[in-house]
C-alpha atoms as a PDB file:
ATOM      1  CA  MET A   1      63.015  85.489  57.546  1.00  0.00           C
ATOM      2  CA  THR A   2      66.100  83.254  57.340  1.00  0.00           C
ATOM      3  CA  ALA A   3      66.677  80.516  59.813  1.00  0.00           C
ATOM      4  CA  ALA A   4      69.563  82.449  61.374  1.00  0.00           C
ATOM      5  CA  ALA A   5      67.447  85.621  61.800  1.00  0.00           C
ATOM      6  CA  ILE A   6      64.846  83.455  63.559  1.00  0.00           C
ATOM      7  CA  GLU A   7      67.544  81.960  65.769  1.00  0.00           C
ATOM      8  CA  ILE A   8      68.876  85.267  66.639  1.00  0.00           C
ATOM      9  CA  HIS A   9      65.430  86.668  67.515  1.00  0.00           C
ATOM     10  CA  ASN A  10      64.573  83.623  69.717  1.00  0.00           C
ATOM     11  CA  ASN A  11      67.990  83.959  71.518  1.00  0.00           C
ATOM     12  CA  MET A  12      67.226  87.708  72.242  1.00  0.00           C
ATOM     13  CA  GLU A  13      63.679  87.177  73.604  1.00  0.00           C
ATOM     14  CA  PRO A  14      65.023  85.429  76.855  1.00  0.00           C
ATOM     15  CA  MET A  15      67.658  88.204  77.224  1.00  0.00           C
ATOM     16  CA  ASN A  16      64.839  90.945  77.105  1.00  0.00           C
ATOM     17  CA  ALA A  17      62.829  88.875  79.764  1.00  0.00           C
ATOM     18  CA  PHE A  18      65.946  88.632  81.752  1.00  0.00           C
ATOM     19  CA  LEU A  19      66.723  92.295  81.675  1.00  0.00           C
ATOM     20  CA  LEU A  20      63.237  93.355  82.544  1.00  0.00           C
ATOM     21  CA  ASP A  21      63.335  91.264  85.783  1.00  0.00           C
ATOM     22  CA  TRP A  22      63.023  93.446  88.846  1.00  0.00           C
ATOM     23  CA  HIS A  23      65.854  91.614  90.484  1.00  0.00           C
ATOM     24  CA  VAL A  24      68.224  92.198  87.595  1.00  0.00           C
ATOM     25  CA  ARG A  25      67.425  96.095  87.645  1.00  0.00           C
ATOM     26  CA  VAL A  26      68.008  96.281  91.345  1.00  0.00           C
ATOM     27  CA  THR A  27      71.221  94.320  91.124  1.00  0.00           C
ATOM     28  CA  TRP A  28      72.380  97.025  88.661  1.00  0.00           C
ATOM     29  CA  ILE A  29      71.201  99.704  90.911  1.00  0.00           C
ATOM     30  CA  ALA A  30      73.457  98.202  93.588  1.00  0.00           C
ATOM     31  CA  TRP A  31      76.512  98.492  91.091  1.00  0.00           C
ATOM     32  CA  MET A  32      75.382 102.171  90.286  1.00  0.00           C
ATOM     33  CA  THR A  33      75.238 102.971  93.951  1.00  0.00           C
ATOM     34  CA  LEU A  34      78.947 101.816  94.396  1.00  0.00           C
ATOM     35  CA  TYR A  35      79.768 103.629  91.293  1.00  0.00           C
ATOM     36  CA  VAL A  36      78.295 106.903  92.589  1.00  0.00           C
ATOM     37  CA  PHE A  37      80.058 106.385  95.874  1.00  0.00           C
ATOM     38  CA  TRP A  38      83.288 105.892  94.204  1.00  0.00           C
ATOM     39  CA  GLY A  39      82.741 108.778  91.804  1.00  0.00           C
ATOM     40  CA  ALA A  40      82.257 111.019  94.896  1.00  0.00           C
ATOM     41  CA  ALA A  41      85.472 109.710  96.327  1.00  0.00           C
ATOM     42  CA  TRP A  42      87.222 110.222  92.940  1.00  0.00           C
ATOM     43  CA  PHE A  43      85.973 113.787  92.707  1.00  0.00           C
ATOM     44  CA  SER A  44      87.160 114.600  96.121  1.00  0.00           C
ATOM     45  CA  ARG A  45      90.468 113.289  95.553  1.00  0.00           C
ATOM     46  CA  HIS A  46      91.089 115.485  92.456  1.00  0.00           C
ATOM     47  CA  ALA A  47      89.119 118.489  93.678  1.00  0.00           C
ATOM     48  CA  PHE A  48      90.926 118.740  96.994  1.00  0.00           C
ATOM     49  CA  ASP A  49      94.399 117.478  96.030  1.00  0.00           C
ATOM     50  CA  ASN A  50      96.946 120.073  96.631  1.00  0.00           C
ATOM     51  CA  SER A  51     100.014 118.112  95.789  1.00  0.00           C
ATOM     52  CA  ASN A  52     102.409 120.014  93.660  1.00  0.00           C
ATOM     53  CA  GLU A  53     106.054 120.418  93.470  1.00  0.00           C
ATOM     54  CA  SER A  54     106.235 121.883  97.013  1.00  0.00           C
ATOM     55  CA  ASP A  55     108.373 120.492  99.850  1.00  0.00           C
ATOM     56  CA  LEU A  56     105.515 120.452 102.221  1.00  0.00           C
ATOM     57  CA  SER A  57     107.857 119.843 105.280  1.00  0.00           C
ATOM     58  CA  THR A  58     109.562 123.182 104.879  1.00  0.00           C
ATOM     59  CA  GLY A  59     107.073 124.936 102.860  1.00  0.00           C
ATOM     60  CA  VAL A  60     109.595 126.019 100.306  1.00  0.00           C
ATOM     61  CA  HIS A  61     108.639 125.919  96.703  1.00  0.00           C
ATOM     62  CA  SER A  62     111.101 123.799  94.609  1.00  0.00           C
ATOM     63  CA  GLY A  63     110.077 125.025  91.288  1.00  0.00           C
ATOM     64  CA  THR A  64     112.782 127.752  90.592  1.00  0.00           C
ATOM     65  CA  ALA A  65     114.234 128.710  87.261  1.00  0.00           C
ATOM     66  CA  ASP A  66     117.492 127.659  88.488  1.00  0.00           C
ATOM     67  CA  PRO A  67     117.850 123.808  89.422  1.00  0.00           C
ATOM     68  CA  ALA A  68     120.741 124.633  91.641  1.00  0.00           C
ATOM     69  CA  LEU A  69     118.442 126.812  93.941  1.00  0.00           C
ATOM     70  CA  ASP A  70     115.687 124.138  94.158  1.00  0.00           C
ATOM     71  CA  GLY A  71     114.799 123.373  97.773  1.00  0.00           C
ATOM     72  CA  GLN A  72     116.861 126.507  99.178  1.00  0.00           C
ATOM     73  CA  ASP A  73     115.346 129.383 100.971  1.00  0.00           C
ATOM     74  CA  VAL A  74     116.516 132.387  98.820  1.00  0.00           C
ATOM     75  CA  ALA A  75     115.505 135.974  99.103  1.00  0.00           C
ATOM     76  CA  ASN A  76     112.747 135.873  96.462  1.00  0.00           C
ATOM     77  CA  HIS A  77     111.192 132.841  97.830  1.00  0.00           C
ATOM     78  CA  HIS A  78     108.462 133.114 100.445  1.00  0.00           C
ATOM     79  CA  LYS A  79     107.789 130.382 102.920  1.00  0.00           C
ATOM     80  CA  THR A  80     104.301 129.299 102.611  1.00  0.00           C
ATOM     81  CA  VAL A  81     102.185 126.766 104.577  1.00  0.00           C
ATOM     82  CA  GLN A  82     100.561 124.482 102.205  1.00  0.00           C
ATOM     83  CA  PRO A  83      97.469 122.255 103.197  1.00  0.00           C
ATOM     84  CA  PRO A  84      98.512 118.567 103.224  1.00  0.00           C
ATOM     85  CA  SER A  85      99.002 116.854  99.939  1.00  0.00           C
ATOM     86  CA  TRP A  86      96.777 113.901  98.992  1.00  0.00           C
ATOM     87  CA  SER A  87      99.775 111.510  99.403  1.00  0.00           C
ATOM     88  CA  ARG A  88     100.291 112.312 103.212  1.00  0.00           C
ATOM     89  CA  GLY A  89      98.599 111.427 106.308  1.00  0.00           C
ATOM     90  CA  ILE A  90      94.740 111.210 106.256  1.00  0.00           C
ATOM     91  CA  CYS A  91      94.882 112.021 102.629  1.00  0.00           C
ATOM     92  CA  ASN A  92      96.989 108.972 101.914  1.00  0.00           C
ATOM     93  CA  ARG A  93      94.402 106.729 103.794  1.00  0.00           C
ATOM     94  CA  LEU A  94      91.702 108.253 101.674  1.00  0.00           C
ATOM     95  CA  ASN A  95      93.735 107.638  98.745  1.00  0.00           C
ATOM     96  CA  ARG A  96      93.971 103.977  99.698  1.00  0.00           C
ATOM     97  CA  ALA A  97      90.235 103.777 100.421  1.00  0.00           C
ATOM     98  CA  HIS A  98      89.611 105.453  96.940  1.00  0.00           C
ATOM     99  CA  ASP A  99      91.778 102.715  95.267  1.00  0.00           C
ATOM    100  CA  MET A 100      89.756  99.986  97.082  1.00  0.00           C
ATOM    101  CA  LEU A 101      86.413 101.442  95.957  1.00  0.00           C
ATOM    102  CA  ARG A 102      87.698 101.605  92.248  1.00  0.00           C
ATOM    103  CA  ASP A 103      88.708  97.985  92.544  1.00  0.00           C
ATOM    104  CA  GLN A 104      85.290  97.004  93.968  1.00  0.00           C
ATOM    105  CA  VAL A 105      83.391  98.807  91.174  1.00  0.00           C
ATOM    106  CA  PHE A 106      85.473  96.975  88.565  1.00  0.00           C
ATOM    107  CA  MET A 107      85.147  93.563  90.290  1.00  0.00           C
ATOM    108  CA  LEU A 108      81.377  93.956  90.846  1.00  0.00           C
ATOM    109  CA  GLY A 109      80.798  95.330  87.317  1.00  0.00           C
ATOM    110  CA  SER A 110      82.709  92.283  85.887  1.00  0.00           C
ATOM    111  CA  VAL A 111      80.892  89.701  87.715  1.00  0.00           C
ATOM    112  CA  LEU A 112      77.600  91.272  87.048  1.00  0.00           C
ATOM    113  CA  THR A 113      78.221  91.675  83.427  1.00  0.00           C
ATOM    114  CA  LEU A 114      78.909  87.841  83.266  1.00  0.00           C
ATOM    115  CA  ASN A 115      75.835  87.109  85.062  1.00  0.00           C
ATOM    116  CA  THR A 116      73.728  89.357  82.698  1.00  0.00           C
ATOM    117  CA  PHE A 117      75.109  87.772  79.623  1.00  0.00           C
ATOM    118  CA  ALA A 118      74.609  84.212  81.075  1.00  0.00           C
ATOM    119  CA  ARG A 119      70.981  85.190  81.933  1.00  0.00           C
ATOM    120  CA  ALA A 120      71.526  83.433  85.127  1.00  0.00           C
ATOM    121  CA  SER A 121      70.682  84.123  88.755  1.00  0.00           C
ATOM    122  CA  THR A 122      68.435  86.942  89.539  1.00  0.00           C
ATOM    123  CA  ARG A 123      67.381  87.151  93.196  1.00  0.00           C
ATOM    124  CA  ALA A 124      70.461  85.711  94.673  1.00  0.00           C
ATOM    125  CA  VAL A 125      72.931  87.984  92.745  1.00  0.00           C
ATOM    126  CA  MET A 126      70.817  90.964  93.804  1.00  0.00           C
ATOM    127  CA  ILE A 127      71.161  90.055  97.418  1.00  0.00           C
ATOM    128  CA  LEU A 128      74.840  89.345  96.994  1.00  0.00           C
ATOM    129  CA  SER A 129      75.280  92.587  95.103  1.00  0.00           C
ATOM    130  CA  TRP A 130      73.750  94.541  97.987  1.00  0.00           C
ATOM    131  CA  ILE A 131      75.962  92.693 100.585  1.00  0.00           C
ATOM    132  CA  TYR A 132      78.979  93.461  98.385  1.00  0.00           C
ATOM    133  CA  VAL A 133      78.132  97.262  98.215  1.00  0.00           C
ATOM    134  CA  ALA A 134      77.427  97.450 101.995  1.00  0.00           C
ATOM    135  CA  PHE A 135      80.733  95.841 102.791  1.00  0.00           C
ATOM    136  CA  ALA A 136      82.473  98.176 100.351  1.00  0.00           C
ATOM    137  CA  PHE A 137      80.939 101.234 102.138  1.00  0.00           C
ATOM    138  CA  ILE A 138      82.142  99.848 105.521  1.00  0.00           C
ATOM    139  CA  MET A 139      85.645  98.981 104.219  1.00  0.00           C
ATOM    140  CA  PHE A 140      85.893 102.470 102.728  1.00  0.00           C
ATOM    141  CA  PHE A 141      85.572 104.054 106.178  1.00  0.00           C
ATOM    142  CA  VAL A 142      87.694 101.311 107.827  1.00  0.00           C
ATOM    143  CA  GLU A 143      90.483 101.713 105.222  1.00  0.00           C
ATOM    144  CA  ALA A 144      90.264 105.536 105.426  1.00  0.00           C
ATOM    145  CA  GLY A 145      90.473 105.162 109.353  1.00  0.00           C
ATOM    146  CA  TYR A 146      93.472 103.003 109.790  1.00  0.00           C
ATOM    147  CA  LYS A 147      95.927 100.730 108.147  1.00  0.00           C
ATOM    148  CA  ASN A 148      95.628  97.138 109.015  1.00  0.00           C
ATOM    149  CA  GLY A 149      96.988  94.133 106.972  1.00  0.00           C
ATOM    150  CA  TYR A 150      94.795  91.738 108.649  1.00  0.00           C
ATOM    151  CA  VAL A 151      91.701  93.741 107.959  1.00  0.00           C
ATOM    152  CA  ARG A 152      92.710  94.132 104.302  1.00  0.00           C
ATOM    153  CA  PHE A 153      93.095  90.478 103.977  1.00  0.00           C
ATOM    154  CA  LEU A 154      89.673  89.820 105.349  1.00  0.00           C
ATOM    155  CA  TYR A 155      87.847  92.313 103.139  1.00  0.00           C
ATOM    156  CA  SER A 156      89.834  91.050 100.105  1.00  0.00           C
ATOM    157  CA  LEU A 157      88.893  87.549 100.762  1.00  0.00           C
ATOM    158  CA  LEU A 158      85.170  88.626 101.438  1.00  0.00           C
ATOM    159  CA  PHE A 159      84.994  90.580  98.062  1.00  0.00           C
ATOM    160  CA  TYR A 160      86.768  87.883  96.132  1.00  0.00           C
ATOM    161  CA  GLY A 161      84.548  85.163  97.538  1.00  0.00           C
ATOM    162  CA  ILE A 162      81.254  87.009  96.654  1.00  0.00           C
ATOM    163  CA  GLY A 163      82.575  87.684  93.259  1.00  0.00           C
ATOM    164  CA  LEU A 164      83.417  84.024  92.736  1.00  0.00           C
ATOM    165  CA  THR A 165      79.896  83.068  94.038  1.00  0.00           C
ATOM    166  CA  ILE A 166      78.217  85.202  91.535  1.00  0.00           C
ATOM    167  CA  CYS A 167      80.454  83.836  88.840  1.00  0.00           C
ATOM    168  CA  GLY A 168      79.559  80.235  90.047  1.00  0.00           C
ATOM    169  CA  LEU A 169      75.772  81.221  89.790  1.00  0.00           C
ATOM    170  CA  ALA A 170      76.246  82.617  86.412  1.00  0.00           C
ATOM    171  CA  TYR A 171      77.841  79.306  85.235  1.00  0.00           C
ATOM    172  CA  ARG A 172      75.483  77.132  87.172  1.00  0.00           C
ATOM    173  CA  GLN A 173      72.183  78.652  86.130  1.00  0.00           C
ATOM    174  CA  GLY A 174      72.989  80.533  82.920  1.00  0.00           C
ATOM    175  CA  PHE A 175      74.331  80.081  79.510  1.00  0.00           C
ATOM    176  CA  HIS A 176      71.350  78.219  78.265  1.00  0.00           C
ATOM    177  CA  ALA A 177      69.652  78.730  74.918  1.00  0.00           C
END
């Protein structure tokens, strides 16, 4: 074996031990739980979205062959009552909540990847990850319930702070050979 191959092998051995640690596995289970919750919201968003080219306030379909007639109630058009579009009312709040979850999946995945490559903190990051996921669940329902800039500021600060804490632990305890 060459010296370079031995060095690669010696560097991979601690990574294997890190990845087999129970706390690291449970940390990634926290991320996967958040991902599954986001995936369910994503599925619901697309499965139940009824937005189309209809003017939902009048129920008149605006997809006529003649653009001059779009939006007008003509004899061959039938007024229909459409369920709400994903971009209106409660669906709009769910859309914002879905977007928040997507951002949380991306943010948590990013800092956990950094921590994993650094072979850094295990137990502390596991605890922080589950706190992050718990607050993401709570904030999903808060965001879906009502719009409040102050609450958005607080949960943004909370998630960003937890993410920076995980990054700090990665750099403080990791990246050693």
